[in-house]
């Protein structure tokens, strides 16, 4: 982990959370990628994607949890993020077992 995530912008945090959600079933589908990649400039998105892939799941979860008070600190912001996460889950027309479990987890950790 070499990324200085403590200085991320709101959009970088949101992108990272959505990347994590997209990998709920261990693969990034084209539909999921298309929903997420436009949030940041292409190079920054690719950097976050590679950073996520290099980390262990627990490291990514710890990053998400450590920044939630900064970027997801109201009921409204949490609902907004959960809705975006669900958009990623449903982007390929399916809501599979892994995504359902990740959905439950996000409701607990955010």
Protein backbone atom coordinates (compact mmCIF):
# COMPACT_ATOMS: atom_id res chain seq x y z
CA UNK A 1 0.00 0.00 0.00
CA UNK A 2 1.75 3.16 -1.16
CA UNK A 3 -1.22 5.38 -1.98
CA UNK A 4 -1.77 8.30 0.40
CA UNK A 5 -5.50 7.73 0.76
CA UNK A 6 -5.87 10.10 3.71
CA UNK A 7 -5.73 12.98 1.23
CA UNK A 8 -8.26 11.61 -1.24
CA UNK A 9 -11.02 13.78 -2.58
CA UNK A 10 -14.66 12.83 -2.18
CA UNK A 11 -14.73 11.57 -5.78
CA UNK A 12 -11.63 9.43 -5.23
CA UNK A 13 -13.21 7.86 -2.15
CA UNK A 14 -16.49 7.21 -3.97
CA UNK A 15 -14.63 5.68 -6.91
CA UNK A 16 -12.63 3.42 -4.62
CA UNK A 17 -15.77 2.22 -2.83
CA UNK A 18 -17.48 1.53 -6.16
CA UNK A 19 -14.42 -0.36 -7.43
CA UNK A 20 -14.57 -2.48 -4.29
CA UNK A 21 -18.27 -3.10 -4.86
CA UNK A 22 -17.65 -4.06 -8.48
CA UNK A 23 -15.22 -6.76 -7.37
CA UNK A 24 -17.82 -8.38 -5.07
CA UNK A 25 -17.96 -11.32 -7.49
CA UNK A 26 -14.17 -11.19 -8.03
CA UNK A 27 -14.34 -9.69 -11.51
CA UNK A 28 -14.95 -6.25 -12.94
CA UNK A 29 -17.68 -6.47 -15.57
CA UNK A 30 -17.69 -4.05 -18.52
CA UNK A 31 -21.00 -2.58 -17.39
CA UNK A 32 -19.63 -1.94 -13.92
CA UNK A 33 -16.45 -0.40 -15.28
CA UNK A 34 -18.45 1.92 -17.55
CA UNK A 35 -20.45 3.21 -14.58
CA UNK A 36 -17.38 3.96 -12.51
CA UNK A 37 -14.61 5.05 -14.87
CA UNK A 38 -16.09 8.45 -15.78
CA UNK A 39 -16.04 9.78 -12.19
CA UNK A 40 -12.33 10.62 -12.32
CA UNK A 41 -9.84 11.41 -15.06
CA UNK A 42 -8.80 8.19 -16.81
CA UNK A 43 -5.27 8.02 -15.43
CA UNK A 44 -6.41 8.60 -11.85
CA UNK A 45 -9.11 5.95 -12.20
CA UNK A 46 -6.55 3.45 -13.51
CA UNK A 47 -4.24 4.24 -10.57
CA UNK A 48 -7.01 3.62 -8.03
CA UNK A 49 -8.03 0.44 -9.81
CA UNK A 50 -4.46 -0.87 -9.66
CA UNK A 51 -4.11 0.20 -6.03
CA UNK A 52 -7.28 -1.74 -5.17
CA UNK A 53 -6.06 -4.84 -7.01
CA UNK A 54 -2.69 -4.79 -5.21
CA UNK A 55 -4.31 -4.71 -1.77
CA UNK A 56 -5.84 -7.53 0.20
CA UNK A 57 -9.60 -7.33 0.75
CA UNK A 58 -9.15 -6.46 4.41
CA UNK A 59 -6.85 -3.58 3.50
CA UNK A 60 -9.44 -2.17 1.10
CA UNK A 61 -12.19 -2.55 3.69
CA UNK A 62 -10.04 -0.81 6.31
CA UNK A 63 -9.45 2.09 3.91
CA UNK A 64 -13.18 2.41 3.24
CA UNK A 65 -13.98 2.30 6.94
CA UNK A 66 -11.22 4.72 7.92
CA UNK A 67 -12.54 7.41 5.57
CA UNK A 68 -16.28 6.94 6.08
CA UNK A 69 -16.47 9.65 8.77
CA UNK A 70 -14.90 12.09 6.36
CA UNK A 71 -16.96 11.30 3.26
CA UNK A 72 -20.02 9.38 4.43
CA UNK A 73 -20.88 11.03 7.73
CA UNK A 74 -24.60 11.68 7.36
CA UNK A 75 -27.58 9.47 6.70
CA UNK A 76 -28.10 11.19 3.36
CA UNK A 77 -24.50 10.65 2.21
CA UNK A 78 -24.65 7.01 3.28
CA UNK A 79 -27.89 6.49 1.35
CA UNK A 80 -26.42 8.20 -1.70
CA UNK A 81 -23.36 5.95 -1.61
CA UNK A 82 -25.42 2.78 -1.01
CA UNK A 83 -27.59 3.70 -4.02
CA UNK A 84 -24.50 4.15 -6.20
CA UNK A 85 -23.14 0.82 -4.97
CA UNK A 86 -26.44 -0.85 -5.88
CA UNK A 87 -26.30 0.75 -9.33
CA UNK A 88 -22.96 -0.99 -9.82
CA UNK A 89 -24.39 -4.30 -8.58
CA UNK A 90 -27.38 -4.11 -10.95
CA UNK A 91 -25.47 -2.71 -13.93
CA UNK A 92 -25.12 -6.12 -15.56
CA UNK A 93 -28.78 -6.97 -14.94
CA UNK A 94 -28.02 -9.40 -12.11
CA UNK A 95 -27.76 -9.22 -8.33
CA UNK A 96 -25.81 -12.35 -7.50
CA UNK A 97 -25.03 -14.06 -4.21
CA UNK A 98 -21.67 -12.29 -3.79
CA UNK A 99 -23.17 -8.88 -4.48
CA UNK A 100 -25.97 -9.53 -1.98
CA UNK A 101 -23.39 -10.35 0.68
CA UNK A 102 -21.35 -7.28 -0.17
CA UNK A 103 -24.51 -5.17 -0.01
CA UNK A 104 -25.12 -6.40 3.55
CA UNK A 105 -21.51 -5.70 4.45
CA UNK A 106 -21.62 -2.14 3.12
CA UNK A 107 -24.73 -1.47 5.18
CA UNK A 108 -22.78 -2.51 8.27
CA UNK A 109 -19.48 -0.76 7.59
CA UNK A 110 -20.72 2.56 6.22
